[in-house]
Each structure stands twice: as C-alpha cells, then as structure tokens.
Amino acid sequence: MKNAFFIGLTLSVAVLFAACKEEEPERSGEIVIGEYEGMKIQHHDTILAGGYHQKAGYTIDIDLDGQDDLTLISNIWGSPGMGQHPEADISSLNKSLGIHGIVFQDTTFYYHKIDTFYYSKVEIYIRNRYSCRREHPEDQVNRIRENFQPRAMKRGERLNRADFFLSDTSLSLNYSSYWQWRELLSTSDTLIVDEYYAFYDCHTFPDDEICWVGLRKETPDGIILGWLKIIISGHYKISILESAIQE
C-alpha cells in the first residue's frame, strides 16, 4: 500500500509539473519593434557626448542577468592635419549578444587628379578621393568587399530570430567624412600639396532621428529578442532612450 501511495503521489506531481510547463507562454520567434507587450523595458534617458580624443561610454545589461551585454561609445578623433571627426560606435561585449544588421557588397570608388595653378609661384595640388558612392564620372572602382553594418530600424518593423546578427564585435553607427591636407614641398617658387578625401557615410545611421537597433540574446532558457532605442546627433552624440528584451 505504501508503494502504491508513493507511486500515485509521484504521478500526481509529474502531471502537475507538466501542466505548469504547458501553461508557461512560449516566447515568440519574432517581435515588432516598438510594441511593448511581453517586453521587459529599461529607460536610460542618457546622452553620450565624447570630446576630442576623450571617449564617452555607456554599458547596458540588456536582460538584467548581472552580465554587461553591450556598450555605446561617443568619440571625436583626428589630428591637426586631419581636423576633428565625430564618430558613434556600438559594441557587443560577449558572444551571447548579437546586433542586427545587413551584409552588403561595399564598393569604394577612387578619383585622382593633379591641378596646377600659376600664381606668384607654381602651386600643384595632388587630389585623391575615396568614396562609397560615385562622386564623379571619372571615378574608378578601387575595391569591392563584403561588409556588415548595424541596421537603423523603425517602429513597426519585424525582428526575427533568423535575421542576421553579429556578436562579440565593435561596429560603427555613424561617422563623418574627412579630409587631410599636407604640404609636400614649399619653396619660394613652388608649392606642392597632397589632399586626401574620404567619404564613407553611405550606410550609417541618420542624424537627429529616432532609430532602433535590433538585438538577440542567447540565454540558458533560449533565444530572446529585443531592441535599443537611440538618437544620434552631430554624427557622434548618442541619446540612449530605452532598451527592451522579451520577458
């Protein structure tokens, strides 16, 4: 009788446990950006604004498990010859956190020209320009390579587990074009100047617009999806509004 009692008790517990498991809602493999039902939200309300060679950073634990998942960096880099150039970056801090983006064929165009002017002395300008778009009919393709860029998502777009994500890496959200000017020769009768231009802003986040960055986190309980809501201003200031992850 005692054995029968314990067997019956064990079966009852097993049935109850199975029923509880069935009642637990299964996380969806897709979310809609900006819809909050079933999402755990953190409000950050923080503005990052780095200085010249003075990075400003902000780290986020997206699912509050005690482990930092990503960091945002605002920075202004450059030199006296290149000037000051703003940049905004996002970094995944571990392999479990993926940042959503697109893989594309990134084409770099190249243009070379030498201009000579005859003033009080001869002035020669050697111009080299690299761009992600064709700026001039005489531009030539310098190289084509596969590249990855975080995608600026909008409210209402869908994010799926099967989408492309990149983890454990640092990626650029926005950076400005820049140029470098330097004298190669300067005498009483001759001036030779080397000019270098770089325009690589084709796939960056828009300025002064609310954007969402899609996120995917691998946890012991499965894969969960989320987002980071931000605004970038002046190519480097990052307003961090909120982060969200599936409950």
Protein backbone atom coordinates (compact mmCIF):
# COMPACT_ATOMS: atom_id res chain seq x y z
CA MET A 1 0.00 0.00 0.00
CA LYS A 2 2.83 2.37 0.90
CA ASN A 3 4.49 1.79 -2.51
CA ALA A 4 1.19 2.40 -4.26
CA PHE A 5 0.79 5.67 -2.33
CA PHE A 6 4.26 6.96 -3.34
CA ILE A 7 3.71 5.91 -6.95
CA GLY A 8 0.42 7.77 -7.03
CA LEU A 9 2.00 10.84 -5.41
CA THR A 10 4.86 10.81 -7.93
CA LEU A 11 2.45 10.59 -10.85
CA SER A 12 0.38 13.46 -9.46
CA VAL A 13 3.44 15.68 -9.09
CA ALA A 14 4.58 14.81 -12.61
CA VAL A 15 1.16 15.63 -14.06
CA LEU A 16 1.05 18.93 -12.13
CA PHE A 17 4.57 19.86 -13.29
CA ALA A 18 3.69 19.08 -16.90
CA ALA A 19 0.54 21.19 -16.62
CA CYS A 20 2.54 24.12 -15.25
CA LYS A 21 5.01 23.82 -18.08
CA GLU A 22 2.19 23.82 -20.62
CA GLU A 23 0.79 27.00 -19.07
CA GLU A 24 4.09 28.86 -19.49
CA PRO A 25 3.80 31.01 -22.64
CA GLU A 26 6.35 30.19 -25.29
CA ARG A 27 8.37 33.19 -26.45
CA SER A 28 7.66 34.26 -30.00
CA GLY A 29 10.42 33.91 -32.55
CA GLU A 30 9.56 37.37 -33.86
CA ILE A 31 8.85 40.74 -32.30
CA VAL A 32 7.51 44.04 -33.62
CA ILE A 33 9.78 47.00 -32.95
CA GLY A 34 8.13 49.46 -30.58
CA GLU A 35 5.41 47.10 -29.31
CA TYR A 36 5.81 46.63 -25.55
CA GLU A 37 3.57 43.66 -24.75
CA GLY A 38 5.69 40.81 -23.41
CA MET A 39 8.81 43.01 -23.26
CA LYS A 40 10.98 43.96 -20.29
CA ILE A 41 11.80 47.70 -20.64
CA GLN A 42 14.66 49.78 -19.24
CA HIS A 43 14.54 53.58 -19.55
CA HIS A 44 18.04 55.05 -19.80
CA ASP A 45 17.45 58.73 -20.71
CA THR A 46 21.19 59.29 -21.15
CA ILE A 47 23.15 61.45 -23.59
CA LEU A 48 26.70 60.47 -24.53
CA ALA A 49 28.91 63.25 -25.89
CA GLY A 50 32.61 62.47 -26.18
CA GLY A 51 35.32 65.08 -26.61
CA TYR A 52 38.40 65.31 -28.80
CA HIS A 53 40.24 62.05 -28.08
CA GLN A 54 38.06 61.69 -24.98
CA LYS A 55 35.66 58.79 -25.40
CA ALA A 56 32.37 58.72 -23.51
CA GLY A 57 30.90 55.25 -22.91
CA TYR A 58 27.70 53.70 -21.58
CA THR A 59 27.25 49.99 -20.80
CA ILE A 60 23.95 48.06 -20.73
CA ASP A 61 22.95 44.75 -19.18
CA ILE A 62 20.08 44.12 -21.59
CA ASP A 63 18.31 41.35 -19.62
CA LEU A 64 19.49 42.28 -16.10
CA ASP A 65 21.27 38.96 -15.53
CA GLY A 66 24.30 40.64 -13.96
CA GLN A 67 26.44 40.48 -17.12
CA ASP A 68 27.04 43.55 -19.31
CA ASP A 69 25.94 42.88 -22.89
CA LEU A 70 26.78 45.95 -24.95
CA THR A 71 28.39 49.36 -24.78
CA LEU A 72 27.96 52.60 -26.74
CA ILE A 73 30.87 54.95 -27.45
CA SER A 74 30.82 58.62 -28.47
CA ASN A 75 34.13 59.98 -29.70
CA ILE A 76 35.84 62.73 -31.70
CA TRP A 77 39.09 61.64 -33.29
CA GLY A 78 41.59 63.21 -35.67
CA SER A 79 44.81 65.20 -35.76
CA PRO A 80 45.98 68.75 -36.57
CA GLY A 81 46.38 67.73 -40.22
CA MET A 82 43.06 65.89 -40.47
CA GLY A 83 40.90 68.04 -38.27
CA GLN A 84 38.31 66.71 -35.80
CA HIS A 85 35.99 63.88 -36.85
CA PRO A 86 32.99 62.67 -34.83
CA GLU A 87 32.04 59.01 -34.56
CA ALA A 88 29.46 56.85 -32.75
CA ASP A 89 30.02 53.12 -32.12
CA ILE A 90 28.22 50.15 -30.59
CA SER A 91 29.96 47.04 -29.26
CA SER A 92 28.70 43.58 -28.31
CA LEU A 93 30.61 42.53 -25.20
CA ASN A 94 30.09 38.78 -25.47
CA LYS A 95 29.14 36.04 -27.92
CA SER A 96 25.66 35.67 -26.47
CA LEU A 97 24.54 39.17 -27.56
CA GLY A 98 24.00 39.74 -31.28
CA ILE A 99 23.46 43.09 -33.02
CA HIS A 100 21.10 43.07 -36.02
CA GLY A 101 22.39 44.37 -39.32
CA ILE A 102 22.80 43.77 -43.02
CA VAL A 103 25.59 42.25 -45.07
CA PHE A 104 26.22 44.08 -48.33
CA GLN A 105 28.76 44.46 -51.11
CA ASP A 106 30.66 47.60 -50.15
CA THR A 107 32.19 49.38 -53.15
CA THR A 108 34.92 52.00 -52.75
CA PHE A 109 35.38 54.44 -55.63
CA TYR A 110 38.66 56.27 -56.27
CA TYR A 111 39.38 59.54 -58.05
CA HIS A 112 42.83 61.01 -58.73
CA LYS A 113 43.63 64.39 -60.22
CA ILE A 114 46.54 66.84 -60.28
CA ASP A 115 45.70 70.54 -60.60
CA THR A 116 48.39 73.11 -61.39
CA PHE A 117 47.98 76.85 -60.89
CA TYR A 118 50.38 79.61 -61.86
CA TYR A 119 50.23 82.47 -59.40
CA SER A 120 53.18 84.30 -57.87
CA LYS A 121 54.58 80.76 -57.68
CA VAL A 122 53.58 77.40 -59.12
CA GLU A 123 51.00 75.61 -56.98
CA ILE A 124 50.40 71.90 -57.54
CA TYR A 125 47.55 70.08 -55.82
CA ILE A 126 47.53 66.28 -55.83
CA ARG A 127 43.95 65.22 -55.12
CA ASN A 128 42.99 61.69 -54.04
CA ARG A 129 39.40 60.94 -53.14
CA TYR A 130 37.86 57.71 -51.85
CA SER A 131 34.09 57.38 -51.60
CA CYS A 132 31.38 54.81 -51.00
CA ARG A 133 29.40 56.38 -53.86
CA ARG A 134 30.32 57.51 -57.37
CA GLU A 135 31.02 61.23 -56.99
CA HIS A 136 32.46 61.92 -60.45
CA PRO A 137 32.07 60.34 -63.92
CA GLU A 138 35.80 59.54 -63.87
CA ASP A 139 35.63 57.64 -60.57
CA GLN A 140 37.10 54.16 -60.76
CA VAL A 141 36.26 51.14 -58.60
CA ASN A 142 39.06 50.79 -56.06
CA ARG A 143 37.77 47.66 -54.30
CA ILE A 144 34.63 45.67 -53.52
CA ARG A 145 34.32 43.77 -50.25
CA GLU A 146 31.63 42.24 -48.10
CA ASN A 147 30.75 44.43 -45.14
CA PHE A 148 28.37 44.41 -42.19
CA GLN A 149 26.50 47.43 -40.90
CA PRO A 150 24.04 47.72 -37.99
CA ARG A 151 20.59 48.46 -39.41
CA ALA A 152 18.60 51.52 -38.38
CA MET A 153 15.14 50.06 -37.75
CA LYS A 154 11.82 51.89 -37.49
CA ARG A 155 8.78 51.38 -35.29
CA GLY A 156 6.54 48.63 -36.65
CA GLU A 157 9.29 46.66 -38.37
CA ARG A 158 9.61 42.97 -37.50
CA LEU A 159 12.70 41.38 -35.99
CA ASN A 160 13.09 37.60 -36.33
CA ARG A 161 15.44 35.12 -34.69
CA ALA A 162 16.52 34.01 -38.16
CA ASP A 163 17.67 37.53 -39.14
CA PHE A 164 21.39 38.29 -39.39
CA PHE A 165 23.14 39.26 -36.16
CA LEU A 166 26.80 39.82 -35.30
CA SER A 167 28.20 39.34 -31.80
CA ASP A 168 31.40 39.93 -29.83
CA THR A 169 32.48 42.84 -32.03
CA SER A 170 32.58 46.64 -32.32
CA LEU A 171 30.56 48.33 -35.08
CA SER A 172 30.16 51.90 -36.28
CA LEU A 173 26.72 53.51 -36.12
CA ASN A 174 27.71 56.83 -37.63
CA TYR A 175 30.89 58.60 -38.63
CA SER A 176 31.61 61.66 -40.71
CA SER A 177 33.61 62.08 -43.87
CA TYR A 178 37.03 63.63 -43.53
CA TRP A 179 39.93 65.07 -45.49
CA GLN A 180 43.64 65.57 -44.93
CA TRP A 181 45.75 68.38 -46.33
CA ARG A 182 49.56 68.47 -46.13
CA GLU A 183 52.39 70.31 -47.85
CA LEU A 184 54.86 68.06 -49.62
CA LEU A 185 57.05 70.94 -50.78
CA SER A 186 57.07 74.67 -50.15
CA THR A 187 59.76 76.92 -51.64
CA SER A 188 59.90 80.50 -52.85
CA ASP A 189 58.65 79.46 -56.31
CA THR A 190 56.81 76.14 -55.82
CA LEU A 191 54.10 74.72 -53.58
CA ILE A 192 53.06 71.05 -53.74
CA VAL A 193 50.07 69.97 -51.67
CA ASP A 194 48.69 66.49 -51.12
CA GLU A 195 44.90 66.33 -50.49
CA TYR A 196 43.14 63.19 -49.28
CA TYR A 197 39.36 62.93 -49.08
CA ALA A 198 37.29 60.07 -47.64
CA PHE A 199 33.50 59.79 -47.84
CA TYR A 200 32.20 56.62 -46.16
CA ASP A 201 28.79 57.71 -44.89
CA CYS A 202 26.58 55.69 -47.26
CA HIS A 203 25.27 53.15 -44.75
CA THR A 204 25.40 54.99 -41.43
CA PHE A 205 22.51 55.88 -39.13
CA PRO A 206 20.61 59.09 -39.93
CA ASP A 207 21.24 62.17 -37.81
CA ASP A 208 18.58 63.53 -35.42
CA GLU A 209 16.11 60.66 -35.98
CA ILE A 210 14.74 58.08 -33.55
CA CYS A 211 16.12 54.68 -34.55
CA TRP A 212 16.02 51.19 -33.10
CA VAL A 213 18.86 48.65 -33.09
CA GLY A 214 17.64 45.03 -33.11
CA LEU A 215 19.20 42.67 -30.55
CA ARG A 216 19.25 38.90 -29.98
CA LYS A 217 20.40 37.32 -26.71
CA GLU A 218 21.20 33.63 -26.21
CA THR A 219 20.27 32.55 -22.68
CA PRO A 220 20.09 29.18 -20.86
CA ASP A 221 16.32 29.32 -21.40
CA GLY A 222 16.55 30.01 -25.13
CA ILE A 223 16.90 32.91 -27.55
CA ILE A 224 15.24 36.23 -26.73
CA LEU A 225 14.84 39.29 -28.93
CA GLY A 226 14.94 42.97 -28.10
CA TRP A 227 15.95 46.43 -29.19
CA LEU A 228 17.87 49.57 -28.28
CA LYS A 229 16.17 52.91 -28.96
CA ILE A 230 18.56 55.79 -29.72
CA ILE A 231 19.03 59.14 -31.46
CA ILE A 232 22.37 60.21 -32.97
CA SER A 233 23.13 63.92 -33.34
CA GLY A 234 26.11 65.62 -34.93
CA HIS A 235 27.42 62.18 -36.03
CA TYR A 236 28.63 61.39 -32.50
CA LYS A 237 26.23 62.39 -29.71
CA ILE A 238 24.10 59.39 -28.70
CA SER A 239 20.80 59.84 -26.87
CA ILE A 240 20.07 56.44 -25.29
CA LEU A 241 16.31 56.34 -24.72
CA GLU A 242 15.41 52.77 -23.82
CA SER A 243 16.27 49.11 -24.18
CA ALA A 244 13.85 46.19 -24.33
CA ILE A 245 14.06 42.40 -24.24
CA GLN A 246 11.48 39.61 -24.27
CA GLU A 247 10.31 38.57 -20.80
